[in-house]
C-alpha cells in the first residue's frame, strides 16, 4: 500500500498540504467540499503535486516539512524545478536521513538547556534534532558537503548584505526602523524574542515550534554565535520563512521598542514585583489587547537578566515538577505558541490534522442498507428466534450498527464482507 503526500492549489491562490492512502478519493472529497475545513471555503481546488511513500509516517513527515516552505519553494516543487528548490533551500534543511545537528561530544551541548520557564538545571543536555526527510531526494533535499559552507536563502543574503555582522557576535548591529518592517504587523500574533541565545540549534527548533502554530515573527537579541547561524537551518526542519525573516537587535530594549505588552518568561525572583500569568492567560490577553505583544525568552544557561524582566509588564510561567524544572528553549516557546493557537480556533489559519482526516458519517439510507443486509443473512440462520424476541433483537442489532457513526467507505467495506461470506456459504451448499 502506498501513502501519498499531496498539494492542492486553492481558488484564492493558497496551497494546502495533506497525506492519505487513497489519493483519488481524498482529492474528490476536497473538490466536493465534503471534508470541510480549509479547502471547503476556498473552492475550486486542484491537485498540483503528489508523491508516494512506503509508510504513513514518511508521508506525514513530508507534509509537515513542505508546509513550512516558502511560496516560491512550493511553486518550484510544482514545476519540478529541482535547481530552484536547491537554491531556495536553507543550508540543506531537509535531509534523506535522520540528522544529528550536534554530536554528543560537542562541548557546546552543555548549554542546550534553558531555565526560560523554570529554574536552571545545568545537568540537562538537549541539543539533538529530530529531522526526518521524505524519500524523494530531488524534490525534498539538498546536497550538504561538510567541507563547503552551506548557502543562505536569498532573503537571508539580502539581510546579511544590508546588515553585515560584526567580528564579535556579542555586539550585533542594530537594525534600522525601515528594516524592521518587512511586512505589515499582525497585532494579534505575539512576537517571539530570544534574548542572548547560545546555540543555533535551539534557534532553529524555536522557529520550527513557532511555525507549527502559525507564528512567524522572530527577533533575536545579541546572539552568542552571531546571525545567520549555520546550525539553525537543519533544526528548523523546513521553517525557512521564520529564519529568513528573523531580526537581530543589540539590546532587549531595542527589540521591544514597538511593543505595548511584554511578557517575561521566568520563575526567579529578581527584585521586581509584577503580575504573574500562565501561557493560557497571556494568550487570552494578547488577542484582545490593543497594540503589539511580545514574549521574552532568556539564554539557555542563565535565563533572563533582571534588566530584561524589568522591561516586561508581566511574568509568564508554568507549574513544573520542583525536582526537575528545566525546560529546553523550544519547549518553552511551544507551550506559549500552543496556548495562543487555541484562541485561533475557527479562523481557518490553523487546522486540526485528525479532523482533516475524518470523513462525515454515512447517509441514513446507506446505514439502512447495511442493517437490512445483516438481517437478510441472519434470518435464515435463526438469529431472530424465538419470534417474541425478534423485534428486540432487531432493535439491538440496529443500535450496534448505527452507534459507531460509520462513514460511507466503512459501510461499503462491511457490506463487501457480508457479500463475501454469503457467496462462500452458497458455494458450500
Protein backbone atom coordinates (compact mmCIF):
# COMPACT_ATOMS: atom_id res chain seq x y z
CA UNK A 1 0.00 0.00 0.00
CA UNK A 2 1.25 3.46 -0.90
CA UNK A 3 0.77 6.56 1.23
CA UNK A 4 0.58 9.84 -0.64
CA UNK A 5 1.63 13.37 0.25
CA UNK A 6 -0.25 15.85 -1.92
CA UNK A 7 -0.52 19.57 -2.53
CA UNK A 8 -3.63 21.44 -3.71
CA UNK A 9 -3.88 24.94 -5.15
CA UNK A 10 -6.97 26.72 -3.80
CA UNK A 11 -9.13 29.32 -5.50
CA UNK A 12 -7.51 32.12 -3.51
CA UNK A 13 -4.03 31.04 -4.66
CA UNK A 14 -3.02 29.47 -1.35
CA UNK A 15 -1.63 25.94 -1.08
CA UNK A 16 -2.94 23.07 1.07
CA UNK A 17 -0.81 20.07 2.08
CA UNK A 18 -2.16 16.70 3.18
CA UNK A 19 -1.48 12.96 3.16
CA UNK A 20 -3.65 9.91 2.54
CA UNK A 21 -3.64 6.25 1.47
CA UNK A 22 -6.49 6.81 -1.02
CA UNK A 23 -5.37 9.69 -3.22
CA UNK A 24 -8.23 9.71 -5.76
CA UNK A 25 -10.94 9.52 -3.09
CA UNK A 26 -9.31 12.20 -0.94
CA UNK A 27 -8.93 14.65 -3.84
CA UNK A 28 -12.56 14.08 -4.82
CA UNK A 29 -13.62 14.84 -1.24
CA UNK A 30 -11.60 18.07 -1.25
CA UNK A 31 -13.05 19.12 -4.61
CA UNK A 32 -16.62 18.43 -3.49
CA UNK A 33 -16.17 20.20 -0.15
CA UNK A 34 -17.15 17.01 1.72
CA UNK A 35 -14.17 17.24 4.09
CA UNK A 36 -14.99 20.74 5.30
CA UNK A 37 -12.24 22.83 6.84
CA UNK A 38 -9.71 24.92 4.92
CA UNK A 39 -10.29 23.73 1.34
CA UNK A 40 -14.09 23.73 1.60
CA UNK A 41 -14.04 27.53 1.95
CA UNK A 42 -11.62 28.00 -0.98
CA UNK A 43 -13.21 26.01 -3.80
CA UNK A 44 -12.43 25.12 -6.50
CA UNK A 45 -9.18 23.35 -5.69
CA UNK A 46 -6.83 21.41 -7.97
CA UNK A 47 -4.16 18.80 -7.38
CA UNK A 48 -0.78 20.27 -8.39
CA UNK A 49 1.68 17.79 -6.85
CA UNK A 50 1.74 14.37 -5.19
CA UNK A 51 4.35 11.77 -4.29
CA UNK A 52 4.01 8.23 -2.84
CA UNK A 53 5.78 6.91 0.27
CA UNK A 54 6.07 3.47 1.79
CA UNK A 55 4.75 4.37 5.25
CA UNK A 56 2.23 6.83 6.65
CA UNK A 57 4.94 8.30 8.88
CA UNK A 58 7.08 9.21 5.87
CA UNK A 59 4.11 10.78 4.09
CA UNK A 60 3.15 12.83 7.15
CA UNK A 61 6.77 13.89 7.65
CA UNK A 62 6.90 15.16 4.05
CA UNK A 63 3.60 17.02 4.52
CA UNK A 64 4.84 18.71 7.69
CA UNK A 65 8.10 19.82 6.13
CA UNK A 66 6.66 21.17 2.87
CA UNK A 67 4.05 23.15 4.84
CA UNK A 68 6.93 25.20 6.22
CA UNK A 69 8.34 26.02 2.79
CA UNK A 70 8.02 29.47 1.26
CA UNK A 71 5.56 30.02 -1.57
CA UNK A 72 8.38 30.26 -4.12
CA UNK A 73 9.77 26.93 -2.98
CA UNK A 74 6.35 25.22 -3.23
CA UNK A 75 5.86 26.59 -6.73
CA UNK A 76 9.27 25.26 -7.72
CA UNK A 77 8.18 21.84 -6.46
CA UNK A 78 5.01 22.05 -8.57
CA UNK A 79 7.13 22.85 -11.65
CA UNK A 80 9.59 20.08 -10.86
CA UNK A 81 12.37 22.70 -10.81
CA UNK A 82 14.89 20.93 -8.61
CA UNK A 83 17.57 23.56 -9.19
CA UNK A 84 15.27 26.27 -7.84
CA UNK A 85 14.40 24.11 -4.82
CA UNK A 86 18.09 23.69 -4.04
CA UNK A 87 18.69 27.41 -4.48
CA UNK A 88 15.78 28.31 -2.19
CA UNK A 89 16.57 25.69 0.43
CA UNK A 90 18.31 26.98 3.52
CA UNK A 91 21.54 25.17 4.33
CA UNK A 92 20.27 21.72 3.35
CA UNK A 93 17.34 21.87 5.77
CA UNK A 94 15.82 18.62 4.54
CA UNK A 95 18.00 15.52 4.55
CA UNK A 96 17.30 11.99 3.31
CA UNK A 97 18.08 10.53 6.69
CA UNK A 98 17.76 11.43 10.36
CA UNK A 99 20.15 14.34 11.02
CA UNK A 100 22.08 14.80 14.22
CA UNK A 101 22.87 18.51 14.23
CA UNK A 102 25.02 18.35 17.33
CA UNK A 103 27.14 15.35 18.24
CA UNK A 104 27.12 14.20 21.88
CA UNK A 105 30.77 15.03 22.26
CA UNK A 106 30.30 18.61 21.09
CA UNK A 107 31.32 20.71 24.06
CA UNK A 108 28.61 23.24 23.26
CA UNK A 109 25.98 20.70 24.31
CA UNK A 110 26.48 21.80 27.89
CA UNK A 111 24.46 24.92 27.02
CA UNK A 112 21.50 23.16 25.42
CA UNK A 113 19.11 23.54 28.36
CA UNK A 114 17.25 26.65 29.42
CA UNK A 115 15.61 27.97 32.54
CA UNK A 116 13.21 30.02 30.41
CA UNK A 117 10.10 29.00 32.31
CA UNK A 118 11.75 27.18 35.18
CA UNK A 119 14.90 27.36 37.36
CA UNK A 120 18.30 26.47 35.97
CA UNK A 121 19.37 22.83 35.70
CA UNK A 122 22.82 22.58 34.13
CA UNK A 123 22.82 18.77 34.18
CA UNK A 124 20.50 18.57 31.20
CA UNK A 125 21.67 18.05 27.65
CA UNK A 126 19.25 18.61 24.79
CA UNK A 127 20.80 19.66 21.52
CA UNK A 128 19.54 16.80 19.37
CA UNK A 129 17.43 17.48 16.31
CA UNK A 130 14.55 15.29 15.23
CA UNK A 131 14.69 15.85 11.49
CA UNK A 132 13.45 13.27 9.02
CA UNK A 133 13.09 13.89 5.33
CA UNK A 134 10.90 12.38 2.63
CA UNK A 135 12.14 9.79 0.19
CA UNK A 136 12.43 11.87 -2.97
CA UNK A 137 15.87 13.47 -2.72
CA UNK A 138 15.42 15.56 -5.85
CA UNK A 139 12.37 17.42 -4.64
CA UNK A 140 12.82 17.44 -0.90
CA UNK A 141 16.52 17.62 -0.07
CA UNK A 142 19.64 19.49 -0.99
CA UNK A 143 23.17 18.14 -1.00
CA UNK A 144 25.24 19.06 2.04
CA UNK A 145 29.02 18.85 1.92
CA UNK A 146 30.68 19.32 5.31
CA UNK A 147 33.77 20.80 3.73
CA UNK A 148 31.76 23.53 1.99
CA UNK A 149 29.88 26.40 3.71
CA UNK A 150 26.14 25.99 3.48
CA UNK A 151 24.37 28.57 1.36
CA UNK A 152 21.87 31.04 2.71
CA UNK A 153 18.45 31.62 1.22
CA UNK A 154 18.01 34.67 -1.00
CA UNK A 155 16.19 36.58 1.76
CA UNK A 156 18.99 35.86 4.21
CA UNK A 157 21.62 37.03 1.72
CA UNK A 158 19.82 40.33 1.34
CA UNK A 159 19.66 40.79 5.10
CA UNK A 160 23.34 39.94 5.55
CA UNK A 161 24.42 42.36 2.86
CA UNK A 162 22.25 45.14 4.29
CA UNK A 163 23.27 44.45 7.88
CA UNK A 164 26.67 42.72 7.99
CA UNK A 165 27.55 41.00 11.24
CA UNK A 166 30.42 42.40 13.28
CA UNK A 167 33.56 40.44 14.03
CA UNK A 168 32.39 39.96 17.61
CA UNK A 169 29.00 38.20 17.79
CA UNK A 170 28.29 39.67 21.20
CA UNK A 171 27.88 43.10 19.57
CA UNK A 172 25.45 42.64 16.64
CA UNK A 173 24.36 45.61 14.56
CA UNK A 174 21.03 47.13 15.49
CA UNK A 175 18.51 47.17 12.65
CA UNK A 176 17.06 50.40 11.40
CA UNK A 177 13.37 51.15 11.73
CA UNK A 178 12.85 50.58 7.99
CA UNK A 179 14.50 47.17 8.01
CA UNK A 180 12.35 46.00 10.90
CA UNK A 181 9.17 46.49 8.91
CA UNK A 182 9.32 43.78 6.24
CA UNK A 183 5.57 43.10 6.41
CA UNK A 184 2.55 44.79 7.95
CA UNK A 185 2.40 43.52 11.55
CA UNK A 186 -0.41 41.27 12.73
CA UNK A 187 -1.25 42.78 16.12
CA UNK A 188 -2.94 39.61 17.29
CA UNK A 189 0.15 37.43 16.87
CA UNK A 190 2.78 37.64 19.60
CA UNK A 191 6.40 38.33 18.69
CA UNK A 192 8.84 35.71 19.98
CA UNK A 193 12.06 37.33 21.25
CA UNK A 194 15.11 35.24 22.13
CA UNK A 195 17.47 37.18 24.41
CA UNK A 196 21.14 36.24 24.02
CA UNK A 197 20.52 32.68 22.74
CA UNK A 198 23.61 30.49 22.76
CA UNK A 199 23.06 27.63 20.30
CA UNK A 200 21.97 27.91 16.69
CA UNK A 201 20.22 24.55 17.05
CA UNK A 202 17.90 26.00 19.68
CA UNK A 203 17.08 28.97 17.47
CA UNK A 204 16.16 26.55 14.68
CA UNK A 205 14.00 24.46 16.98
CA UNK A 206 12.28 27.62 18.16
CA UNK A 207 11.47 28.54 14.54
CA UNK A 208 10.03 25.08 13.99
CA UNK A 209 7.86 25.35 17.12
CA UNK A 210 6.62 28.80 16.11
CA UNK A 211 5.60 27.83 12.58
CA UNK A 212 3.77 24.74 13.85
CA UNK A 213 1.29 27.12 15.46
CA UNK A 214 1.24 29.91 12.91
CA UNK A 215 3.76 32.35 14.42
CA UNK A 216 6.40 33.77 12.08
CA UNK A 217 7.89 36.87 13.70
CA UNK A 218 11.14 36.03 15.49
CA UNK A 219 13.50 38.60 17.00
CA UNK A 220 16.95 37.76 18.34
CA UNK A 221 18.88 39.89 20.82
CA UNK A 222 22.68 39.70 20.76
CA UNK A 223 23.07 36.01 19.77
CA UNK A 224 26.25 34.48 21.13
CA UNK A 225 27.40 33.00 17.80
CA UNK A 226 26.13 35.78 15.55
CA UNK A 227 23.45 35.62 12.88
CA UNK A 228 22.77 33.95 10.49
CA UNK A 229 23.86 30.77 12.24
CA UNK A 230 24.51 27.71 10.01
CA UNK A 231 23.30 25.36 12.76
CA UNK A 232 19.81 26.85 12.86
CA UNK A 233 18.63 25.62 9.45
CA UNK A 234 18.74 21.83 9.98
CA UNK A 235 17.00 22.12 13.35
CA UNK A 236 14.22 24.26 11.85
CA UNK A 237 13.18 21.29 9.70
CA UNK A 238 11.73 23.43 6.93
CA UNK A 239 10.62 26.53 8.84
CA UNK A 240 12.60 28.69 6.42
CA UNK A 241 10.17 31.59 6.50
CA UNK A 242 10.76 32.20 10.22
CA UNK A 243 14.54 32.15 9.91
CA UNK A 244 14.54 34.29 6.76
CA UNK A 245 12.52 37.00 8.50
CA UNK A 246 14.34 36.85 11.82
CA UNK A 247 15.51 40.28 13.00
CA UNK A 248 18.61 40.94 15.12
CA UNK A 249 18.83 43.64 17.83
CA UNK A 250 21.66 44.82 20.02
CA UNK A 251 19.58 45.15 23.21
CA UNK A 252 16.32 43.87 24.61
CA UNK A 253 15.04 47.44 24.88
CA UNK A 254 15.52 47.89 21.13
CA UNK A 255 13.71 44.62 20.38
CA UNK A 256 10.57 45.59 22.36
CA UNK A 257 10.53 49.30 21.45
CA UNK A 258 7.38 48.97 19.32
CA UNK A 259 5.55 46.58 21.69
CA UNK A 260 2.87 47.62 24.17
CA UNK A 261 2.52 44.30 26.02
CA UNK A 262 5.65 42.39 27.06
CA UNK A 263 5.79 39.08 28.93
CA UNK A 264 8.99 37.79 30.55
CA UNK A 265 9.28 34.01 30.88
CA UNK A 266 10.94 33.28 34.21
CA UNK A 267 10.15 31.98 37.70
CA UNK A 268 13.06 33.52 39.54
CA UNK A 269 12.53 36.36 41.97
CA UNK A 270 14.64 39.20 40.60
CA UNK A 271 13.77 42.07 42.90
CA UNK A 272 10.82 43.21 40.77
CA UNK A 273 7.12 42.91 41.53
CA UNK A 274 4.95 42.14 38.50
CA UNK A 275 1.73 40.25 37.78
CA UNK A 276 2.29 36.53 37.16
CA UNK A 277 0.29 34.81 34.40
CA UNK A 278 0.19 31.41 32.72
CA UNK A 279 0.62 30.94 28.94
CA UNK A 280 -3.15 30.45 28.67
CA UNK A 281 -3.91 33.72 30.46
CA UNK A 282 -1.32 35.57 28.39
CA UNK A 283 -2.77 34.20 25.13
CA UNK A 284 -6.25 35.46 26.04
CA UNK A 285 -4.86 38.88 26.86
CA UNK A 286 -2.78 39.08 23.66
CA UNK A 287 -5.72 38.51 21.29
CA UNK A 288 -7.84 41.19 22.99
CA UNK A 289 -5.21 43.81 23.75
CA UNK A 290 -4.57 46.85 21.57
CA UNK A 291 -1.02 47.12 20.27
CA UNK A 292 1.73 44.60 19.69
CA UNK A 293 2.65 41.87 22.18
CA UNK A 294 5.99 40.15 22.72
CA UNK A 295 7.19 37.21 24.80
CA UNK A 296 10.80 37.25 26.04
CA UNK A 297 12.83 34.04 26.44
CA UNK A 298 16.23 34.09 28.09
CA UNK A 299 19.54 32.41 27.31
CA UNK A 300 19.79 28.65 27.73
CA UNK A 301 22.21 28.77 30.65
CA UNK A 302 21.07 31.72 32.74
CA UNK A 303 17.66 32.85 31.51
CA UNK A 304 16.58 36.48 31.52
CA UNK A 305 18.54 39.08 33.45
CA UNK A 306 16.88 41.44 35.91
CA UNK A 307 17.18 44.28 33.39
CA UNK A 308 15.26 42.21 30.80
CA UNK A 309 12.47 41.34 33.23
CA UNK A 310 12.18 44.99 34.23
CA UNK A 311 11.02 45.80 30.68
CA UNK A 312 8.07 43.40 30.93
CA UNK A 313 4.52 44.19 32.01
CA UNK A 314 4.01 40.66 33.44
CA UNK A 315 5.91 37.48 34.28
CA UNK A 316 4.84 34.35 32.38
CA UNK A 317 5.42 30.94 33.95
CA UNK A 318 4.03 27.40 34.17
CA UNK A 319 3.77 24.96 37.08
CA UNK A 320 6.54 22.35 36.84
CA UNK A 321 7.99 19.48 38.83
CA UNK A 322 10.16 21.12 41.54
CA UNK A 323 12.50 18.12 41.41
CA UNK A 324 13.14 18.59 37.68
CA UNK A 325 12.18 22.01 36.41
CA UNK A 326 14.46 22.56 33.40
CA UNK A 327 12.80 23.24 30.03
CA UNK A 328 14.52 23.41 26.67
CA UNK A 329 14.15 26.74 24.88
CA UNK A 330 11.95 25.34 22.09
CA UNK A 331 9.80 23.51 24.66
CA UNK A 332 9.14 26.78 26.44
CA UNK A 333 8.28 28.53 23.17
CA UNK A 334 5.94 25.77 22.03
CA UNK A 335 3.96 25.96 25.29
CA UNK A 336 3.24 29.62 24.68
CA UNK A 337 2.64 29.20 20.93
CA UNK A 338 0.18 26.35 21.52
CA UNK A 339 -1.86 28.31 24.04
CA UNK A 340 -2.05 31.22 21.60
CA UNK A 341 -3.15 28.87 18.80
CA UNK A 342 -6.11 27.72 20.91
CA UNK A 343 -7.51 31.24 20.65
CA UNK A 344 -7.50 30.96 16.85
CA UNK A 345 -9.92 28.02 16.54
CA UNK A 346 -12.26 28.65 13.64
CA UNK A 347 -10.04 31.26 11.99
CA UNK A 348 -9.01 28.89 9.21
CA UNK A 349 -5.32 29.68 9.72
CA UNK A 350 -4.66 26.55 11.78
CA UNK A 351 -6.02 23.08 11.01
CA UNK A 352 -6.51 20.14 13.35
CA UNK A 353 -4.86 17.21 11.47
CA UNK A 354 -7.09 14.49 12.94
CA UNK A 355 -10.23 16.37 11.98
CA UNK A 356 -8.92 16.80 8.46
CA UNK A 357 -8.61 13.02 8.09
CA UNK A 358 -12.16 12.20 9.26
CA UNK A 359 -14.98 11.60 6.79
CA UNK A 360 -18.58 12.53 7.66
CA UNK A 361 -20.96 9.76 8.79
CA UNK A 362 -22.69 7.84 6.01
CA UNK A 363 -26.20 8.96 4.99
CA UNK A 364 -29.06 7.20 6.78
CA UNK A 365 -30.08 5.43 3.57
CA UNK A 366 -26.70 3.66 3.42
CA UNK A 367 -26.98 2.63 7.09
CA UNK A 368 -30.46 1.25 6.41
CA UNK A 369 -29.00 -0.81 3.59
CA UNK A 370 -26.33 -2.20 5.93
CA UNK A 371 -28.89 -3.12 8.60
CA UNK A 372 -31.14 -4.80 6.01
CA UNK A 373 -28.14 -6.73 4.64
CA UNK A 374 -27.38 -8.11 8.12
CA UNK A 375 -31.00 -9.04 8.72
CA UNK A 376 -31.30 -10.79 5.34
CA UNK A 377 -28.31 -13.01 6.12
CA UNK A 378 -29.22 -13.66 9.76
CA UNK A 379 -32.87 -14.51 9.19
CA UNK A 380 -32.32 -17.98 7.63
CA UNK A 381 -29.75 -18.77 10.34
CA UNK A 382 -32.40 -18.50 13.07
CA UNK A 383 -30.81 -15.46 14.71
CA UNK A 384 -34.20 -13.82 15.40
CA UNK A 385 -35.63 -16.84 17.19
CA UNK A 386 -37.79 -17.03 19.29
CA UNK A 387 -40.31 -14.87 17.46
CA UNK A 388 -41.47 -12.99 20.57
CA UNK A 389 -37.90 -11.66 20.93
CA UNK A 390 -37.35 -10.96 17.23
CA UNK A 391 -38.27 -7.28 17.40
CA UNK A 392 -36.00 -6.65 20.39
CA UNK A 393 -33.13 -8.47 18.64
CA UNK A 394 -33.57 -6.33 15.50
CA UNK A 395 -33.57 -3.16 17.59
CA UNK A 396 -30.40 -4.19 19.41
CA UNK A 397 -28.68 -5.05 16.12
CA UNK A 398 -29.65 -1.66 14.68
CA UNK A 399 -28.24 0.14 17.75
CA UNK A 400 -24.95 -1.74 17.45
CA UNK A 401 -24.59 -0.92 13.74
CA UNK A 402 -25.56 2.76 13.95
CA UNK A 403 -23.68 3.69 17.13
CA UNK A 404 -20.12 3.92 15.66
CA UNK A 405 -21.07 6.53 13.04
CA UNK A 406 -19.55 4.64 10.08
CA UNK A 407 -18.60 6.74 7.06
CA UNK A 408 -19.68 5.67 3.57
CA UNK A 409 -16.37 3.84 2.88
CA UNK A 410 -16.68 1.81 6.09
CA UNK A 411 -20.30 0.91 5.31
CA UNK A 412 -19.22 -0.21 1.85
CA UNK A 413 -16.45 -2.35 3.37
CA UNK A 414 -18.82 -4.04 5.82
CA UNK A 415 -21.29 -4.83 3.07
CA UNK A 416 -18.48 -6.26 0.98
CA UNK A 417 -17.55 -8.58 3.86
CA UNK A 418 -21.17 -9.73 4.21
CA UNK A 419 -21.47 -10.39 0.47
CA UNK A 420 -18.26 -12.42 0.50
CA UNK A 421 -19.48 -14.54 3.43
CA UNK A 422 -22.81 -15.06 1.69
CA UNK A 423 -21.13 -16.27 -1.52
CA UNK A 424 -18.94 -18.66 0.45
CA UNK A 425 -21.97 -20.11 2.21
CA UNK A 426 -23.84 -20.64 -1.08
CA UNK A 427 -20.85 -22.37 -2.68
CA UNK A 428 -20.59 -24.63 0.35
CA UNK A 429 -24.20 -25.71 -0.07
